[in-house]
Amino acid sequence: MGAIQIELPEPVRQRAAQLAEQQSMSLDRLIVVALVEKLATMFPDEALEERGKRGTRQAFDEFMQGVPDVEPLDSDQLPGAWNDAT
């Protein structure tokens, strides 16, 4: 790995440190995770892009026929505010 030194505005550093603590990770690790996530949104995986192009609505519908039509478990329910938004 390579090392870099960055200067963060104090409020940003404080919020990042708080989040890192909540997630039980170091501040360095949180910054790496955040950067990797951002890069993934800006530079999508080409293999996934190609696979997506091969997909069809018919294949999706056929796949979904095998999924049971049941209510999710309580542990898989969205919070009430999410359900109210639909």
Protein backbone atom coordinates (compact mmCIF):
# COMPACT_ATOMS: atom_id res chain seq x y z
CA MET A 1 0.00 0.00 0.00
CA GLY A 2 1.03 3.56 -0.53
CA ALA A 3 0.77 6.28 2.07
CA ILE A 4 -0.69 9.74 1.52
CA GLN A 5 -1.12 12.68 3.81
CA ILE A 6 -4.30 14.74 3.57
CA GLU A 7 -5.63 17.76 5.40
CA LEU A 8 -9.28 17.59 6.40
CA PRO A 9 -11.37 20.45 7.69
CA GLU A 10 -11.80 19.89 11.41
CA PRO A 11 -15.59 19.35 11.28
CA VAL A 12 -15.13 16.70 8.57
CA ARG A 13 -12.40 14.97 10.56
CA GLN A 14 -14.54 14.97 13.70
CA ARG A 15 -17.59 13.50 11.92
CA ALA A 16 -15.42 10.89 10.19
CA ALA A 17 -13.76 9.93 13.47
CA GLN A 18 -17.16 9.62 15.14
CA LEU A 19 -18.44 7.37 12.34
CA ALA A 20 -15.27 5.29 12.41
CA GLU A 21 -15.73 4.72 16.13
CA GLN A 22 -19.38 3.76 15.64
CA GLN A 23 -18.33 1.28 12.97
CA SER A 24 -15.48 -0.09 15.13
CA MET A 25 -12.82 0.79 12.60
CA SER A 26 -9.88 3.11 12.40
CA LEU A 27 -10.21 6.51 10.75
CA ASP A 28 -7.73 5.37 8.08
CA ARG A 29 -9.88 2.32 7.33
CA LEU A 30 -13.05 4.42 7.12
CA ILE A 31 -11.39 6.77 4.63
CA VAL A 32 -10.22 3.82 2.50
CA VAL A 33 -13.73 2.28 2.53
CA ALA A 34 -15.32 5.61 1.60
CA LEU A 35 -12.85 6.18 -1.24
CA VAL A 36 -13.31 2.65 -2.61
CA GLU A 37 -17.10 3.09 -2.54
CA LYS A 38 -16.86 6.43 -4.35
CA LEU A 39 -14.51 5.03 -6.99
CA ALA A 40 -16.86 2.08 -7.55
CA THR A 41 -19.70 4.48 -8.37
CA MET A 42 -17.55 6.51 -10.74
CA PHE A 43 -15.81 3.59 -12.44
CA PRO A 44 -18.27 0.69 -12.65
CA ASP A 45 -16.97 -2.85 -12.98
CA GLU A 46 -16.76 -3.56 -16.72
CA ALA A 47 -17.54 -7.26 -16.23
CA LEU A 48 -20.79 -6.37 -14.44
CA GLU A 49 -21.66 -3.88 -17.17
CA GLU A 50 -21.21 -6.56 -19.84
CA ARG A 51 -23.23 -9.09 -17.87
CA GLY A 52 -26.00 -6.56 -17.42
CA LYS A 53 -26.17 -5.98 -21.17
CA ARG A 54 -26.85 -9.69 -21.69
CA GLY A 55 -29.83 -9.68 -19.34
CA THR A 56 -33.38 -9.55 -20.66
CA ARG A 57 -36.73 -8.75 -19.12
CA GLN A 58 -37.93 -12.25 -20.06
CA ALA A 59 -35.02 -13.89 -18.21
CA PHE A 60 -35.70 -11.70 -15.18
CA ASP A 61 -39.41 -12.60 -15.19
CA GLU A 62 -38.56 -16.31 -15.49
CA PHE A 63 -36.18 -16.04 -12.54
CA MET A 64 -38.76 -14.21 -10.46
CA GLN A 65 -41.29 -17.00 -11.05
CA GLY A 66 -39.17 -19.13 -8.71
CA VAL A 67 -39.27 -16.58 -5.88
CA PRO A 68 -42.04 -17.30 -3.35
CA ASP A 69 -44.66 -14.57 -2.95
CA VAL A 70 -44.56 -14.26 0.83
CA GLU A 71 -44.25 -11.44 3.32
CA PRO A 72 -40.69 -10.87 4.53
CA LEU A 73 -39.63 -11.97 8.00
CA ASP A 74 -40.00 -9.33 10.71
CA SER A 75 -36.22 -8.98 10.75
CA ASP A 76 -36.29 -8.14 7.01
CA GLN A 77 -39.04 -5.51 7.21
CA LEU A 78 -38.16 -1.93 6.33
CA PRO A 79 -38.64 0.66 9.06
CA GLY A 80 -42.12 2.25 9.14
CA ALA A 81 -40.95 5.52 7.55
CA TRP A 82 -39.73 3.62 4.48
CA ASN A 83 -43.07 1.88 4.05
CA ASP A 84 -44.94 5.19 4.41
CA ALA A 85 -42.86 6.74 1.60
CA THR A 86 -44.22 4.37 -1.05
